[in-house]
Amino acid sequence: QVQLVESGGGLVQAGGSLKLACTASERTFSNYYMAWFRQAPGKEREFVTIINRSGAITGYTDSVKGRFTVSRDNAKNTVYLQMNSLKREDTGVYYCAAATTWVETAASYDYWGQGTQVTVSS
């Protein structure tokens, strides 16, 4: 059972930056592909980014390419999401998730954090 805890959310003005972190309890953290999803009020949870087990390969949804960067530190059991040039439409609850394969659909993930709120004001 993998337990995930996110941190780093908050309120930021449009154009600003935030860095989220997600720390796993599992010692075999490096066995998992890690992803970030987000959910805005009244909308479905959507894929944001994914990173492979070594951290060498990443994928992003089109709306965040060039602005967000995902990374991981397997020694610290932590995955990060650096968010720059934030827009109002980036507002939502951000969740990290763990899976044993490269997958971009929320239903395929077995382990989820509790979420952290990101609010971007104009």
C-alpha atoms as a PDB file:
ATOM      1  CA  GLN A   1       0.000   0.000   0.000  1.00  0.00           C
ATOM      2  CA  VAL A   2       1.507   3.278  -1.133  1.00  0.00           C
ATOM      3  CA  GLN A   3       0.601   6.379   0.822  1.00  0.00           C
ATOM      4  CA  LEU A   4       1.102   9.714  -0.932  1.00  0.00           C
ATOM      5  CA  VAL A   5       1.124  13.146   0.691  1.00  0.00           C
ATOM      6  CA  GLU A   6       1.110  16.341  -1.366  1.00  0.00           C
ATOM      7  CA  SER A   7       2.288  19.747  -0.240  1.00  0.00           C
ATOM      8  CA  GLY A   8       3.063  23.155  -1.666  1.00  0.00           C
ATOM      9  CA  GLY A   9      -0.301  24.375  -2.861  1.00  0.00           C
ATOM     10  CA  GLY A  10      -1.562  27.881  -2.218  1.00  0.00           C
ATOM     11  CA  LEU A  11      -2.778  31.147  -3.649  1.00  0.00           C
ATOM     12  CA  VAL A  12      -0.703  32.825  -6.340  1.00  0.00           C
ATOM     13  CA  GLN A  13      -1.236  35.613  -8.827  1.00  0.00           C
ATOM     14  CA  ALA A  14      -1.424  34.907 -12.523  1.00  0.00           C
ATOM     15  CA  GLY A  15       2.064  34.728 -13.953  1.00  0.00           C
ATOM     16  CA  GLY A  16       3.503  33.475 -10.691  1.00  0.00           C
ATOM     17  CA  SER A  17       5.022  30.141  -9.715  1.00  0.00           C
ATOM     18  CA  LEU A  18       4.431  27.321  -7.267  1.00  0.00           C
ATOM     19  CA  LYS A  19       6.240  24.073  -6.598  1.00  0.00           C
ATOM     20  CA  LEU A  20       4.296  21.072  -5.435  1.00  0.00           C
ATOM     21  CA  ALA A  21       5.796  18.037  -3.764  1.00  0.00           C
ATOM     22  CA  CYS A  22       4.434  14.554  -3.238  1.00  0.00           C
ATOM     23  CA  THR A  23       6.164  12.208  -0.824  1.00  0.00           C
ATOM     24  CA  ALA A  24       5.521   8.482  -0.780  1.00  0.00           C
ATOM     25  CA  SER A  25       5.677   6.143   2.153  1.00  0.00           C
ATOM     26  CA  GLU A  26       6.739   3.235  -0.014  1.00  0.00           C
ATOM     27  CA  ARG A  27      10.401   2.244   0.023  1.00  0.00           C
ATOM     28  CA  THR A  28       9.989   0.909  -3.513  1.00  0.00           C
ATOM     29  CA  PHE A  29       8.944   4.353  -4.763  1.00  0.00           C
ATOM     30  CA  SER A  30      11.302   3.964  -7.716  1.00  0.00           C
ATOM     31  CA  ASN A  31       9.171   1.075  -8.997  1.00  0.00           C
ATOM     32  CA  TYR A  32       6.284   3.429  -9.740  1.00  0.00           C
ATOM     33  CA  TYR A  33       5.436   5.774 -12.552  1.00  0.00           C
ATOM     34  CA  MET A  34       4.251   8.988 -10.942  1.00  0.00           C
ATOM     35  CA  ALA A  35       1.690  11.400 -12.287  1.00  0.00           C
ATOM     36  CA  TRP A  36      -0.037  14.632 -11.390  1.00  0.00           C
ATOM     37  CA  PHE A  37      -3.720  15.197 -12.060  1.00  0.00           C
ATOM     38  CA  ARG A  38      -5.884  18.201 -11.295  1.00  0.00           C
ATOM     39  CA  GLN A  39      -9.561  18.798 -10.780  1.00  0.00           C
ATOM     40  CA  ALA A  40     -11.323  22.121 -11.128  1.00  0.00           C
ATOM     41  CA  PRO A  41     -14.735  22.720  -9.522  1.00  0.00           C
ATOM     42  CA  GLY A  42     -17.468  21.029 -11.517  1.00  0.00           C
ATOM     43  CA  LYS A  43     -15.014  19.321 -13.848  1.00  0.00           C
ATOM     44  CA  GLU A  44     -13.561  15.868 -14.164  1.00  0.00           C
ATOM     45  CA  ARG A  45     -10.105  15.046 -12.908  1.00  0.00           C
ATOM     46  CA  GLU A  46      -7.639  15.599 -15.732  1.00  0.00           C
ATOM     47  CA  PHE A  47      -4.142  14.375 -16.472  1.00  0.00           C
ATOM     48  CA  VAL A  48      -1.360  16.941 -16.135  1.00  0.00           C
ATOM     49  CA  THR A  49       1.974  15.149 -16.300  1.00  0.00           C
ATOM     50  CA  ILE A  50       3.740  11.832 -15.814  1.00  0.00           C
ATOM     51  CA  ILE A  51       7.326  10.792 -15.108  1.00  0.00           C
ATOM     52  CA  ASN A  52       8.847   7.380 -15.575  1.00  0.00           C
ATOM     53  CA  ARG A  53      10.538   5.402 -12.848  1.00  0.00           C
ATOM     54  CA  SER A  54      14.051   6.741 -13.370  1.00  0.00           C
ATOM     55  CA  GLY A  55      12.941  10.312 -14.048  1.00  0.00           C
ATOM     56  CA  ALA A  56      14.444  10.326 -17.524  1.00  0.00           C
ATOM     57  CA  ILE A  57      11.176  10.451 -19.464  1.00  0.00           C
ATOM     58  CA  THR A  58       8.269  12.795 -18.918  1.00  0.00           C
ATOM     59  CA  GLY A  59       4.967  13.592 -20.560  1.00  0.00           C
ATOM     60  CA  TYR A  60       2.645  16.589 -20.313  1.00  0.00           C
ATOM     61  CA  THR A  61      -0.793  17.595 -21.344  1.00  0.00           C
ATOM     62  CA  ASP A  62      -0.655  20.261 -24.055  1.00  0.00           C
ATOM     63  CA  SER A  63      -1.989  23.076 -21.886  1.00  0.00           C
ATOM     64  CA  VAL A  64       0.988  22.976 -19.504  1.00  0.00           C
ATOM     65  CA  LYS A  65       3.847  22.214 -21.882  1.00  0.00           C
ATOM     66  CA  GLY A  66       6.632  24.759 -21.516  1.00  0.00           C
ATOM     67  CA  ARG A  67       5.246  26.004 -18.175  1.00  0.00           C
ATOM     68  CA  PHE A  68       5.245  22.963 -15.876  1.00  0.00           C
ATOM     69  CA  THR A  69       8.132  20.636 -15.091  1.00  0.00           C
ATOM     70  CA  VAL A  70       7.864  17.309 -13.318  1.00  0.00           C
ATOM     71  CA  SER A  71      10.843  15.726 -11.595  1.00  0.00           C
ATOM     72  CA  ARG A  72      11.547  13.121  -8.947  1.00  0.00           C
ATOM     73  CA  ASP A  73      14.113  12.272  -6.321  1.00  0.00           C
ATOM     74  CA  ASN A  74      13.963   8.555  -5.691  1.00  0.00           C
ATOM     75  CA  ALA A  75      16.319   8.840  -2.728  1.00  0.00           C
ATOM     76  CA  LYS A  76      13.719  11.050  -1.048  1.00  0.00           C
ATOM     77  CA  ASN A  77      10.662   9.156  -2.329  1.00  0.00           C
ATOM     78  CA  THR A  78       9.401  12.447  -3.704  1.00  0.00           C
ATOM     79  CA  VAL A  79       8.008  13.738  -6.974  1.00  0.00           C
ATOM     80  CA  TYR A  80       7.823  17.449  -7.715  1.00  0.00           C
ATOM     81  CA  LEU A  81       5.784  19.685  -9.962  1.00  0.00           C
ATOM     82  CA  GLN A  82       7.276  23.079 -10.746  1.00  0.00           C
ATOM     83  CA  MET A  83       4.567  25.339 -12.124  1.00  0.00           C
ATOM     84  CA  ASN A  84       5.552  28.593 -13.805  1.00  0.00           C
ATOM     85  CA  SER A  85       3.584  31.256 -15.673  1.00  0.00           C
ATOM     86  CA  LEU A  86       0.454  30.160 -13.891  1.00  0.00           C
ATOM     87  CA  LYS A  87      -2.923  30.998 -15.384  1.00  0.00           C
ATOM     88  CA  ARG A  88      -6.365  31.240 -13.822  1.00  0.00           C
ATOM     89  CA  GLU A  89      -7.342  28.065 -15.639  1.00  0.00           C
ATOM     90  CA  ASP A  90      -4.650  26.184 -13.702  1.00  0.00           C
ATOM     91  CA  THR A  91      -6.767  26.576 -10.573  1.00  0.00           C
ATOM     92  CA  GLY A  92      -7.851  23.313  -8.997  1.00  0.00           C
ATOM     93  CA  VAL A  93      -6.980  20.567  -6.595  1.00  0.00           C
ATOM     94  CA  TYR A  94      -3.762  18.854  -7.631  1.00  0.00           C
ATOM     95  CA  TYR A  95      -3.309  15.173  -6.913  1.00  0.00           C
ATOM     96  CA  CYS A  96      -0.303  12.950  -7.286  1.00  0.00           C
ATOM     97  CA  ALA A  97      -0.813   9.323  -8.200  1.00  0.00           C
ATOM     98  CA  ALA A  98       1.274   6.178  -8.556  1.00  0.00           C
ATOM     99  CA  ALA A  99       1.002   3.363 -11.051  1.00  0.00           C
ATOM    100  CA  THR A 100       3.094   0.447 -12.240  1.00  0.00           C
ATOM    101  CA  THR A 101       2.744   1.369 -15.902  1.00  0.00           C
ATOM    102  CA  TRP A 102       2.807   4.495 -18.090  1.00  0.00           C
ATOM    103  CA  VAL A 103      -0.819   5.521 -18.199  1.00  0.00           C
ATOM    104  CA  GLU A 104      -2.607   8.863 -18.457  1.00  0.00           C
ATOM    105  CA  THR A 105      -6.113   7.970 -17.341  1.00  0.00           C
ATOM    106  CA  ALA A 106      -7.127   8.530 -13.753  1.00  0.00           C
ATOM    107  CA  ALA A 107      -9.072   5.282 -13.517  1.00  0.00           C
ATOM    108  CA  SER A 108      -5.874   3.304 -14.072  1.00  0.00           C
ATOM    109  CA  TYR A 109      -4.124   4.620 -10.971  1.00  0.00           C
ATOM    110  CA  ASP A 110      -4.250   2.618  -7.777  1.00  0.00           C
ATOM    111  CA  TYR A 111      -2.740   5.087  -5.349  1.00  0.00           C
ATOM    112  CA  TRP A 112      -3.639   8.730  -4.780  1.00  0.00           C
ATOM    113  CA  GLY A 113      -2.698  11.541  -2.472  1.00  0.00           C
ATOM    114  CA  GLN A 114      -5.279  13.646  -0.683  1.00  0.00           C
ATOM    115  CA  GLY A 115      -4.762  16.627  -2.983  1.00  0.00           C
ATOM    116  CA  THR A 116      -3.498  20.149  -2.539  1.00  0.00           C
ATOM    117  CA  GLN A 117      -5.380  23.274  -3.586  1.00  0.00           C
ATOM    118  CA  VAL A 118      -3.848  25.631  -6.139  1.00  0.00           C
ATOM    119  CA  THR A 119      -5.645  28.913  -6.704  1.00  0.00           C
ATOM    120  CA  VAL A 120      -4.486  31.380  -9.340  1.00  0.00           C
ATOM    121  CA  SER A 121      -5.926  34.860  -9.090  1.00  0.00           C
ATOM    122  CA  SER A 122      -5.994  37.474 -11.808  1.00  0.00           C
END
